[in-house]
PDB file of N, CA and C in Angstrom:
ATOM      1  N   MET A   1     -66.610  20.136  16.769  1.00  0.00           N
ATOM      2  CA  MET A   1     -65.458  20.247  17.647  1.00  0.00           C
ATOM      3  C   MET A   1     -64.449  21.216  17.030  1.00  0.00           C
ATOM      4  N   ALA A   2     -63.987  22.156  17.842  1.00  0.00           N
ATOM      5  CA  ALA A   2     -63.041  23.165  17.344  1.00  0.00           C
ATOM      6  C   ALA A   2     -61.679  22.526  17.091  1.00  0.00           C
ATOM      7  N   ARG A   3     -61.096  22.922  16.001  1.00  0.00           N
ATOM      8  CA  ARG A   3     -59.778  22.407  15.637  1.00  0.00           C
ATOM      9  C   ARG A   3     -58.699  23.213  16.343  1.00  0.00           C
ATOM     10  N   GLU A   4     -57.657  22.522  16.813  1.00  0.00           N
ATOM     11  CA  GLU A   4     -56.520  23.196  17.451  1.00  0.00           C
ATOM     12  C   GLU A   4     -55.823  24.090  16.429  1.00  0.00           C
ATOM     13  N   PRO A   5     -55.485  25.313  16.824  1.00  0.00           N
ATOM     14  CA  PRO A   5     -54.741  26.167  15.884  1.00  0.00           C
ATOM     15  C   PRO A   5     -53.330  25.619  15.679  1.00  0.00           C
ATOM     16  N   LYS A   6     -52.794  25.854  14.506  1.00  0.00           N
ATOM     17  CA  LYS A   6     -51.420  25.440  14.219  1.00  0.00           C
ATOM     18  C   LYS A   6     -50.488  26.287  15.080  1.00  0.00           C
ATOM     19  N   ARG A   7     -49.585  25.641  15.807  1.00  0.00           N
ATOM     20  CA  ARG A   7     -48.674  26.345  16.711  1.00  0.00           C
ATOM     21  C   ARG A   7     -47.610  27.088  15.921  1.00  0.00           C
ATOM     22  N   LYS A   8     -47.485  28.375  16.223  1.00  0.00           N
ATOM     23  CA  LYS A   8     -46.503  29.219  15.543  1.00  0.00           C
ATOM     24  C   LYS A   8     -45.790  30.092  16.554  1.00  0.00           C
ATOM     25  N   SER A   9     -44.623  30.525  16.188  1.00  0.00           N
ATOM     26  CA  SER A   9     -43.862  31.503  16.954  1.00  0.00           C
ATOM     27  C   SER A   9     -43.602  32.679  16.029  1.00  0.00           C
ATOM     28  N   PHE A  10     -42.910  33.696  16.545  1.00  0.00           N
ATOM     29  CA  PHE A  10     -42.619  34.821  15.668  1.00  0.00           C
ATOM     30  C   PHE A  10     -41.127  35.105  15.642  1.00  0.00           C
ATOM     31  N   VAL A  11     -40.719  35.749  14.586  1.00  0.00           N
ATOM     32  CA  VAL A  11     -39.319  36.105  14.360  1.00  0.00           C
ATOM     33  C   VAL A  11     -39.250  37.614  14.169  1.00  0.00           C
ATOM     34  N   ILE A  12     -38.234  38.232  14.767  1.00  0.00           N
ATOM     35  CA  ILE A  12     -37.935  39.638  14.491  1.00  0.00           C
ATOM     36  C   ILE A  12     -36.663  39.640  13.667  1.00  0.00           C
ATOM     37  N   SER A  13     -36.723  40.206  12.501  1.00  0.00           N
ATOM     38  CA  SER A  13     -35.575  40.246  11.597  1.00  0.00           C
ATOM     39  C   SER A  13     -35.263  41.698  11.250  1.00  0.00           C
ATOM     40  N   TYR A  14     -33.995  41.978  11.038  1.00  0.00           N
ATOM     41  CA  TYR A  14     -33.595  43.331  10.642  1.00  0.00           C
ATOM     42  C   TYR A  14     -33.002  43.265   9.250  1.00  0.00           C
ATOM     43  N   ILE A  15     -33.528  44.077   8.348  1.00  0.00           N
ATOM     44  CA  ILE A  15     -33.041  44.162   6.975  1.00  0.00           C
ATOM     45  C   ILE A  15     -32.218  45.438   6.879  1.00  0.00           C
ATOM     46  N   GLU A  16     -30.895  45.283   6.975  1.00  0.00           N
ATOM     47  CA  GLU A  16     -30.019  46.454   7.053  1.00  0.00           C
ATOM     48  C   GLU A  16     -30.096  47.324   5.802  1.00  0.00           C
ATOM     49  N   SER A  17     -30.156  46.699   4.622  1.00  0.00           N
ATOM     50  CA  SER A  17     -30.173  47.481   3.382  1.00  0.00           C
ATOM     51  C   SER A  17     -31.403  48.388   3.283  1.00  0.00           C
ATOM     52  N   GLU A  18     -32.488  47.988   3.936  1.00  0.00           N
ATOM     53  CA  GLU A  18     -33.718  48.780   3.910  1.00  0.00           C
ATOM     54  C   GLU A  18     -33.967  49.510   5.227  1.00  0.00           C
ATOM     55  N   LYS A  19     -33.075  49.295   6.193  1.00  0.00           N
ATOM     56  CA  LYS A  19     -33.198  49.915   7.519  1.00  0.00           C
ATOM     57  C   LYS A  19     -34.604  49.707   8.091  1.00  0.00           C
ATOM     58  N   LYS A  20     -35.015  48.425   8.138  1.00  0.00           N
ATOM     59  CA  LYS A  20     -36.343  48.115   8.661  1.00  0.00           C
ATOM     60  C   LYS A  20     -36.331  46.772   9.391  1.00  0.00           C
ATOM     61  N   PHE A  21     -37.288  46.632  10.283  1.00  0.00           N
ATOM     62  CA  PHE A  21     -37.508  45.374  10.985  1.00  0.00           C
ATOM     63  C   PHE A  21     -38.668  44.657  10.318  1.00  0.00           C
ATOM     64  N   GLU A  22     -38.603  43.339  10.306  1.00  0.00           N
ATOM     65  CA  GLU A  22     -39.723  42.525   9.855  1.00  0.00           C
ATOM     66  C   GLU A  22     -40.080  41.571  10.985  1.00  0.00           C
ATOM     67  N   ILE A  23     -41.351  41.433  11.233  1.00  0.00           N
ATOM     68  CA  ILE A  23     -41.842  40.483  12.218  1.00  0.00           C
ATOM     69  C   ILE A  23     -42.774  39.544  11.473  1.00  0.00           C
ATOM     70  N   PHE A  24     -42.499  38.245  11.598  1.00  0.00           N
ATOM     71  CA  PHE A  24     -43.325  37.277  10.891  1.00  0.00           C
ATOM     72  C   PHE A  24     -43.427  35.995  11.701  1.00  0.00           C
ATOM     73  N   THR A  25     -44.396  35.154  11.340  1.00  0.00           N
ATOM     74  CA  THR A  25     -44.596  33.900  12.055  1.00  0.00           C
ATOM     75  C   THR A  25     -43.828  32.771  11.384  1.00  0.00           C
ATOM     76  N   LEU A  26     -43.590  31.739  12.188  1.00  0.00           N
ATOM     77  CA  LEU A  26     -42.861  30.561  11.726  1.00  0.00           C
ATOM     78  C   LEU A  26     -43.489  29.358  12.425  1.00  0.00           C
ATOM     79  N   ASP A  27     -43.782  28.309  11.674  1.00  0.00           N
ATOM     80  CA  ASP A  27     -44.343  27.104  12.289  1.00  0.00           C
ATOM     81  C   ASP A  27     -43.393  26.573  13.353  1.00  0.00           C
ATOM     82  N   ASP A  28     -43.935  26.236  14.511  1.00  0.00           N
ATOM     83  CA  ASP A  28     -43.110  25.705  15.600  1.00  0.00           C
ATOM     84  C   ASP A  28     -42.323  24.470  15.173  1.00  0.00           C
ATOM     85  N   SER A  29     -42.870  23.677  14.266  1.00  0.00           N
ATOM     86  CA  SER A  29     -42.175  22.464  13.822  1.00  0.00           C
ATOM     87  C   SER A  29     -40.853  22.773  13.112  1.00  0.00           C
ATOM     88  N   LEU A  30     -40.693  23.990  12.626  1.00  0.00           N
ATOM     89  CA  LEU A  30     -39.457  24.371  11.934  1.00  0.00           C
ATOM     90  C   LEU A  30     -38.389  24.912  12.882  1.00  0.00           C
ATOM     91  N   ILE A  31     -38.754  25.162  14.131  1.00  0.00           N
ATOM     92  CA  ILE A  31     -37.848  25.838  15.060  1.00  0.00           C
ATOM     93  C   ILE A  31     -36.748  24.935  15.604  1.00  0.00           C
ATOM     94  N   GLU A  32     -37.076  23.713  16.007  1.00  0.00           N
ATOM     95  CA  GLU A  32     -36.093  22.844  16.669  1.00  0.00           C
ATOM     96  C   GLU A  32     -34.778  22.723  15.902  1.00  0.00           C
ATOM     97  N   PRO A  33     -34.790  22.433  14.601  1.00  0.00           N
ATOM     98  CA  PRO A  33     -33.500  22.337  13.891  1.00  0.00           C
ATOM     99  C   PRO A  33     -32.728  23.662  13.890  1.00  0.00           C
ATOM    100  N   LEU A  34     -33.431  24.779  13.884  1.00  0.00           N
ATOM    101  CA  LEU A  34     -32.769  26.084  13.864  1.00  0.00           C
ATOM    102  C   LEU A  34     -32.086  26.397  15.188  1.00  0.00           C
ATOM    103  N   LYS A  35     -32.647  25.922  16.287  1.00  0.00           N
ATOM    104  CA  LYS A  35     -32.098  26.231  17.609  1.00  0.00           C
ATOM    105  C   LYS A  35     -30.693  25.668  17.812  1.00  0.00           C
ATOM    106  N   ARG A  36     -30.323  24.665  17.047  1.00  0.00           N
ATOM    107  CA  ARG A  36     -28.984  24.079  17.188  1.00  0.00           C
ATOM    108  C   ARG A  36     -27.887  25.003  16.679  1.00  0.00           C
ATOM    109  N   THR A  37     -28.231  25.977  15.868  1.00  0.00           N
ATOM    110  CA  THR A  37     -27.210  26.851  15.272  1.00  0.00           C
ATOM    111  C   THR A  37     -27.450  28.327  15.569  1.00  0.00           C
ATOM    112  N   THR A  38     -28.260  28.615  16.583  1.00  0.00           N
ATOM    113  CA  THR A  38     -28.585  30.005  16.875  1.00  0.00           C
ATOM    114  C   THR A  38     -28.413  30.322  18.354  1.00  0.00           C
ATOM    115  N   VAL A  39     -28.538  31.594  18.687  1.00  0.00           N
ATOM    116  CA  VAL A  39     -28.520  32.042  20.077  1.00  0.00           C
ATOM    117  C   VAL A  39     -29.920  31.817  20.646  1.00  0.00           C
ATOM    118  N   VAL A  40     -30.003  31.136  21.780  1.00  0.00           N
ATOM    119  CA  VAL A  40     -31.290  30.847  22.409  1.00  0.00           C
ATOM    120  C   VAL A  40     -31.285  31.420  23.821  1.00  0.00           C
ATOM    121  N   SER A  41     -32.334  32.133  24.178  1.00  0.00           N
ATOM    122  CA  SER A  41     -32.493  32.672  25.528  1.00  0.00           C
ATOM    123  C   SER A  41     -33.801  32.129  26.094  1.00  0.00           C
ATOM    124  N   ASP A  42     -33.708  31.198  27.034  1.00  0.00           N
ATOM    125  CA  ASP A  42     -34.902  30.587  27.620  1.00  0.00           C
ATOM    126  C   ASP A  42     -35.513  31.483  28.691  1.00  0.00           C
ATOM    127  N   TRP A  43     -36.824  31.537  28.716  1.00  0.00           N
ATOM    128  CA  TRP A  43     -37.577  32.241  29.762  1.00  0.00           C
ATOM    129  C   TRP A  43     -38.671  31.290  30.226  1.00  0.00           C
ATOM    130  N   THR A  44     -38.635  30.894  31.483  1.00  0.00           N
ATOM    131  CA  THR A  44     -39.704  30.033  31.991  1.00  0.00           C
ATOM    132  C   THR A  44     -40.817  30.898  32.582  1.00  0.00           C
ATOM    133  N   LEU A  45     -42.011  30.345  32.611  1.00  0.00           N
ATOM    134  CA  LEU A  45     -43.122  31.070  33.229  1.00  0.00           C
ATOM    135  C   LEU A  45     -42.864  31.291  34.715  1.00  0.00           C
ATOM    136  N   ASP A  46     -42.153  30.366  35.361  1.00  0.00           N
ATOM    137  CA  ASP A  46     -41.789  30.563  36.772  1.00  0.00           C
ATOM    138  C   ASP A  46     -40.951  31.826  36.946  1.00  0.00           C
ATOM    139  N   GLN A  47     -40.041  32.083  36.003  1.00  0.00           N
ATOM    140  CA  GLN A  47     -39.158  33.249  36.108  1.00  0.00           C
ATOM    141  C   GLN A  47     -39.920  34.568  36.027  1.00  0.00           C
ATOM    142  N   ILE A  48     -41.052  34.566  35.362  1.00  0.00           N
ATOM    143  CA  ILE A  48     -41.819  35.810  35.240  1.00  0.00           C
ATOM    144  C   ILE A  48     -43.097  35.769  36.073  1.00  0.00           C
ATOM    145  N   GLY A  49     -43.146  34.830  37.024  1.00  0.00           N
ATOM    146  CA  GLY A  49     -44.283  34.763  37.940  1.00  0.00           C
ATOM    147  C   GLY A  49     -45.596  34.390  37.274  1.00  0.00           C
ATOM    148  N   HIS A  50     -45.524  33.654  36.172  1.00  0.00           N
ATOM    149  CA  HIS A  50     -46.726  33.224  35.441  1.00  0.00           C
ATOM    150  C   HIS A  50     -47.613  34.409  35.066  1.00  0.00           C
ATOM    151  N   GLU A  51     -46.987  35.552  34.820  1.00  0.00           N
ATOM    152  CA  GLU A  51     -47.730  36.759  34.445  1.00  0.00           C
ATOM    153  C   GLU A  51     -46.975  37.478  33.331  1.00  0.00           C
ATOM    154  N   ILE A  52     -47.673  37.760  32.250  1.00  0.00           N
ATOM    155  CA  ILE A  52     -47.064  38.490  31.139  1.00  0.00           C
ATOM    156  C   ILE A  52     -47.469  39.953  31.285  1.00  0.00           C
ATOM    157  N   GLY A  53     -46.863  40.603  32.268  1.00  0.00           N
ATOM    158  CA  GLY A  53     -47.138  42.007  32.561  1.00  0.00           C
ATOM    159  C   GLY A  53     -46.120  42.919  31.892  1.00  0.00           C
ATOM    160  N   GLU A  54     -46.194  44.196  32.242  1.00  0.00           N
ATOM    161  CA  GLU A  54     -45.317  45.196  31.626  1.00  0.00           C
ATOM    162  C   GLU A  54     -43.840  44.874  31.802  1.00  0.00           C
ATOM    163  N   ASP A  55     -43.457  44.431  33.000  1.00  0.00           N
ATOM    164  CA  ASP A  55     -42.047  44.141  33.245  1.00  0.00           C
ATOM    165  C   ASP A  55     -41.561  42.995  32.368  1.00  0.00           C
ATOM    166  N   ALA A  56     -42.349  41.920  32.276  1.00  0.00           N
ATOM    167  CA  ALA A  56     -41.955  40.778  31.443  1.00  0.00           C
ATOM    168  C   ALA A  56     -41.876  41.173  29.972  1.00  0.00           C
ATOM    169  N   VAL A  57     -42.849  41.940  29.511  1.00  0.00           N
ATOM    170  CA  VAL A  57     -42.861  42.372  28.110  1.00  0.00           C
ATOM    171  C   VAL A  57     -41.662  43.275  27.819  1.00  0.00           C
ATOM    172  N   ARG A  58     -41.360  44.174  28.720  1.00  0.00           N
ATOM    173  CA  ARG A  58     -40.211  45.080  28.552  1.00  0.00           C
ATOM    174  C   ARG A  58     -38.910  44.286  28.499  1.00  0.00           C
ATOM    175  N   ARG A  59     -38.740  43.348  29.442  1.00  0.00           N
ATOM    176  CA  ARG A  59     -37.523  42.542  29.493  1.00  0.00           C
ATOM    177  C   ARG A  59     -37.385  41.679  28.242  1.00  0.00           C
ATOM    178  N   LEU A  60     -38.497  41.119  27.776  1.00  0.00           N
ATOM    179  CA  LEU A  60     -38.462  40.294  26.571  1.00  0.00           C
ATOM    180  C   LEU A  60     -38.064  41.130  25.361  1.00  0.00           C
ATOM    181  N   GLY A  61     -38.622  42.326  25.238  1.00  0.00           N
ATOM    182  CA  GLY A  61     -38.273  43.210  24.122  1.00  0.00           C
ATOM    183  C   GLY A  61     -36.811  43.607  24.139  1.00  0.00           C
ATOM    184  N   ILE A  62     -36.309  43.960  25.315  1.00  0.00           N
ATOM    185  CA  ILE A  62     -34.901  44.347  25.425  1.00  0.00           C
ATOM    186  C   ILE A  62     -34.007  43.166  25.069  1.00  0.00           C
ATOM    187  N   THR A  63     -34.354  41.987  25.580  1.00  0.00           N
ATOM    188  CA  THR A  63     -33.566  40.792  25.265  1.00  0.00           C
ATOM    189  C   THR A  63     -33.584  40.510  23.773  1.00  0.00           C
ATOM    190  N   ALA A  64     -34.748  40.636  23.147  1.00  0.00           N
ATOM    191  CA  ALA A  64     -34.859  40.379  21.709  1.00  0.00           C
ATOM    192  C   ALA A  64     -33.951  41.314  20.911  1.00  0.00           C
ATOM    193  N   PHE A  65     -33.956  42.594  21.247  1.00  0.00           N
ATOM    194  CA  PHE A  65     -33.112  43.534  20.511  1.00  0.00           C
ATOM    195  C   PHE A  65     -31.634  43.354  20.842  1.00  0.00           C
ATOM    196  N   ASP A  66     -31.317  42.966  22.075  1.00  0.00           N
ATOM    197  CA  ASP A  66     -29.919  42.655  22.410  1.00  0.00           C
ATOM    198  C   ASP A  66     -29.414  41.484  21.576  1.00  0.00           C
ATOM    199  N   VAL A  67     -30.221  40.426  21.486  1.00  0.00           N
ATOM    200  CA  VAL A  67     -29.832  39.256  20.694  1.00  0.00           C
ATOM    201  C   VAL A  67     -29.709  39.632  19.219  1.00  0.00           C
ATOM    202  N   LEU A  68     -30.638  40.422  18.713  1.00  0.00           N
ATOM    203  CA  LEU A  68     -30.592  40.848  17.313  1.00  0.00           C
ATOM    204  C   LEU A  68     -29.337  41.663  17.023  1.00  0.00           C
ATOM    205  N   SER A  69     -28.915  42.469  17.986  1.00  0.00           N
ATOM    206  CA  SER A  69     -27.735  43.316  17.765  1.00  0.00           C
ATOM    207  C   SER A  69     -26.427  42.525  17.739  1.00  0.00           C
ATOM    208  N   ILE A  70     -26.440  41.267  18.195  1.00  0.00           N
ATOM    209  CA  ILE A  70     -25.241  40.431  18.092  1.00  0.00           C
ATOM    210  C   ILE A  70     -24.879  40.228  16.624  1.00  0.00           C
ATOM    211  N   SER A  71     -25.872  39.959  15.802  1.00  0.00           N
ATOM    212  CA  SER A  71     -25.636  39.733  14.370  1.00  0.00           C
ATOM    213  C   SER A  71     -25.707  41.002  13.541  1.00  0.00           C
ATOM    214  N   HIS A  72     -26.253  42.053  14.127  1.00  0.00           N
ATOM    215  CA  HIS A  72     -26.380  43.338  13.434  1.00  0.00           C
ATOM    216  C   HIS A  72     -25.789  44.424  14.330  1.00  0.00           C
ATOM    217  N   PRO A  73     -24.439  44.509  14.397  1.00  0.00           N
ATOM    218  CA  PRO A  73     -23.797  45.434  15.337  1.00  0.00           C
ATOM    219  C   PRO A  73     -24.145  46.902  15.115  1.00  0.00           C
ATOM    220  N   THR A  74     -24.644  47.265  13.938  1.00  0.00           N
ATOM    221  CA  THR A  74     -25.037  48.664  13.720  1.00  0.00           C
ATOM    222  C   THR A  74     -26.224  49.051  14.605  1.00  0.00           C
ATOM    223  N   LEU A  75     -26.959  48.070  15.110  1.00  0.00           N
ATOM    224  CA  LEU A  75     -28.094  48.352  15.997  1.00  0.00           C
ATOM    225  C   LEU A  75     -27.651  48.660  17.424  1.00  0.00           C
ATOM    226  N   LYS A  76     -26.492  48.151  17.835  1.00  0.00           N
ATOM    227  CA  LYS A  76     -26.056  48.271  19.232  1.00  0.00           C
ATOM    228  C   LYS A  76     -26.060  49.712  19.740  1.00  0.00           C
ATOM    229  N   PRO A  77     -25.496  50.688  19.010  1.00  0.00           N
ATOM    230  CA  PRO A  77     -25.523  52.055  19.537  1.00  0.00           C
ATOM    231  C   PRO A  77     -26.931  52.662  19.596  1.00  0.00           C
ATOM    232  N   MET A  78     -27.883  52.062  18.907  1.00  0.00           N
ATOM    233  CA  MET A  78     -29.257  52.567  18.938  1.00  0.00           C
ATOM    234  C   MET A  78     -30.025  52.078  20.159  1.00  0.00           C
ATOM    235  N   LEU A  79     -29.542  51.013  20.802  1.00  0.00           N
ATOM    236  CA  LEU A  79     -30.219  50.465  21.982  1.00  0.00           C
ATOM    237  C   LEU A  79     -30.002  51.395  23.160  1.00  0.00           C
ATOM    238  N   LYS A  80     -31.031  52.052  23.581  1.00  0.00           N
ATOM    239  CA  LYS A  80     -30.947  53.045  24.660  1.00  0.00           C
ATOM    240  C   LYS A  80     -31.513  52.519  25.973  1.00  0.00           C
ATOM    241  N   VAL A  81     -32.031  51.306  25.969  1.00  0.00           N
ATOM    242  CA  VAL A  81     -32.593  50.702  27.170  1.00  0.00           C
ATOM    243  C   VAL A  81     -31.757  49.481  27.505  1.00  0.00           C
ATOM    244  N   ARG A  82     -31.401  49.350  28.756  1.00  0.00           N
ATOM    245  CA  ARG A  82     -30.570  48.231  29.196  1.00  0.00           C
ATOM    246  C   ARG A  82     -31.221  47.548  30.395  1.00  0.00           C
ATOM    247  N   LEU A  83     -30.930  46.279  30.527  1.00  0.00           N
ATOM    248  CA  LEU A  83     -31.340  45.533  31.713  1.00  0.00           C
ATOM    249  C   LEU A  83     -30.160  45.450  32.659  1.00  0.00           C
ATOM    250  N   PRO A  84     -30.400  45.505  33.958  1.00  0.00           N
ATOM    251  CA  PRO A  84     -29.279  45.313  34.878  1.00  0.00           C
ATOM    252  C   PRO A  84     -28.728  43.902  34.733  1.00  0.00           C
ATOM    253  N   ARG A  85     -27.420  43.786  34.815  1.00  0.00           N
ATOM    254  CA  ARG A  85     -26.781  42.472  34.732  1.00  0.00           C
ATOM    255  C   ARG A  85     -27.113  41.680  35.995  1.00  0.00           C
ATOM    256  N   PRO A  86     -27.486  40.403  35.830  1.00  0.00           N
ATOM    257  CA  PRO A  86     -27.794  39.602  37.021  1.00  0.00           C
ATOM    258  C   PRO A  86     -26.524  39.256  37.781  1.00  0.00           C
ATOM    259  N   ASN A  87     -26.661  39.033  39.084  1.00  0.00           N
ATOM    260  CA  ASN A  87     -25.536  38.549  39.873  1.00  0.00           C
ATOM    261  C   ASN A  87     -25.330  37.084  39.537  1.00  0.00           C
ATOM    262  N   LEU A  88     -24.132  36.742  39.122  1.00  0.00           N
ATOM    263  CA  LEU A  88     -23.824  35.364  38.767  1.00  0.00           C
ATOM    264  C   LEU A  88     -22.984  34.733  39.865  1.00  0.00           C
ATOM    265  N   PRO A  89     -23.217  33.455  40.154  1.00  0.00           N
ATOM    266  CA  PRO A  89     -22.390  32.809  41.175  1.00  0.00           C
ATOM    267  C   PRO A  89     -20.958  32.675  40.678  1.00  0.00           C
ATOM    268  N   LYS A  90     -20.027  32.705  41.612  1.00  0.00           N
ATOM    269  CA  LYS A  90     -18.626  32.514  41.242  1.00  0.00           C
ATOM    270  C   LYS A  90     -18.446  31.083  40.761  1.00  0.00           C
ATOM    271  N   ASP A  91     -17.524  30.902  39.792  1.00  0.00           N
ATOM    272  CA  ASP A  91     -17.255  29.551  39.295  1.00  0.00           C
ATOM    273  C   ASP A  91     -16.743  28.647  40.415  1.00  0.00           C
ATOM    274  N   ASP A  92     -15.925  29.206  41.281  1.00  0.00           N
ATOM    275  CA  ASP A  92     -15.364  28.430  42.384  1.00  0.00           C
ATOM    276  C   ASP A  92     -15.582  29.228  43.662  1.00  0.00           C
ATOM    277  N   GLU A  93     -16.526  28.811  44.471  1.00  0.00           N
ATOM    278  CA  GLU A  93     -16.877  29.547  45.685  1.00  0.00           C
ATOM    279  C   GLU A  93     -15.729  29.623  46.689  1.00  0.00           C
ATOM    280  N   SER A  94     -14.697  28.761  46.534  1.00  0.00           N
ATOM    281  CA  SER A  94     -13.583  28.780  47.483  1.00  0.00           C
ATOM    282  C   SER A  94     -12.592  29.896  47.192  1.00  0.00           C
ATOM    283  N   ILE A  95     -12.701  30.522  46.023  1.00  0.00           N
ATOM    284  CA  ILE A  95     -11.799  31.625  45.677  1.00  0.00           C
ATOM    285  C   ILE A  95     -12.380  32.909  46.250  1.00  0.00           C
ATOM    286  N   PRO A  96     -11.613  33.626  47.103  1.00  0.00           N
ATOM    287  CA  PRO A  96     -12.144  34.865  47.705  1.00  0.00           C
ATOM    288  C   PRO A  96     -12.283  35.989  46.704  1.00  0.00           C
TER     289      PRO A  96
END
């Protein structure tokens, strides 16, 4: 019987002193405590039509670099690709 693979996610990190990105895996069991003190951007499979196509991959990459640039502002001027801002509902629909 095949053994289930250990569930892992990946991290994109920027090392400013070396001007490089690092991508590495992290056991999923270590993620939950970290999420309480970090920026989290949820993406459901429903939101991407249950398809990991070019558009979803592009949007995920842009989001990842946008989030990374929050803590590493020197990256912000290097980001040349942007996503259109979504239309957000008004806080109070009764206000014209």
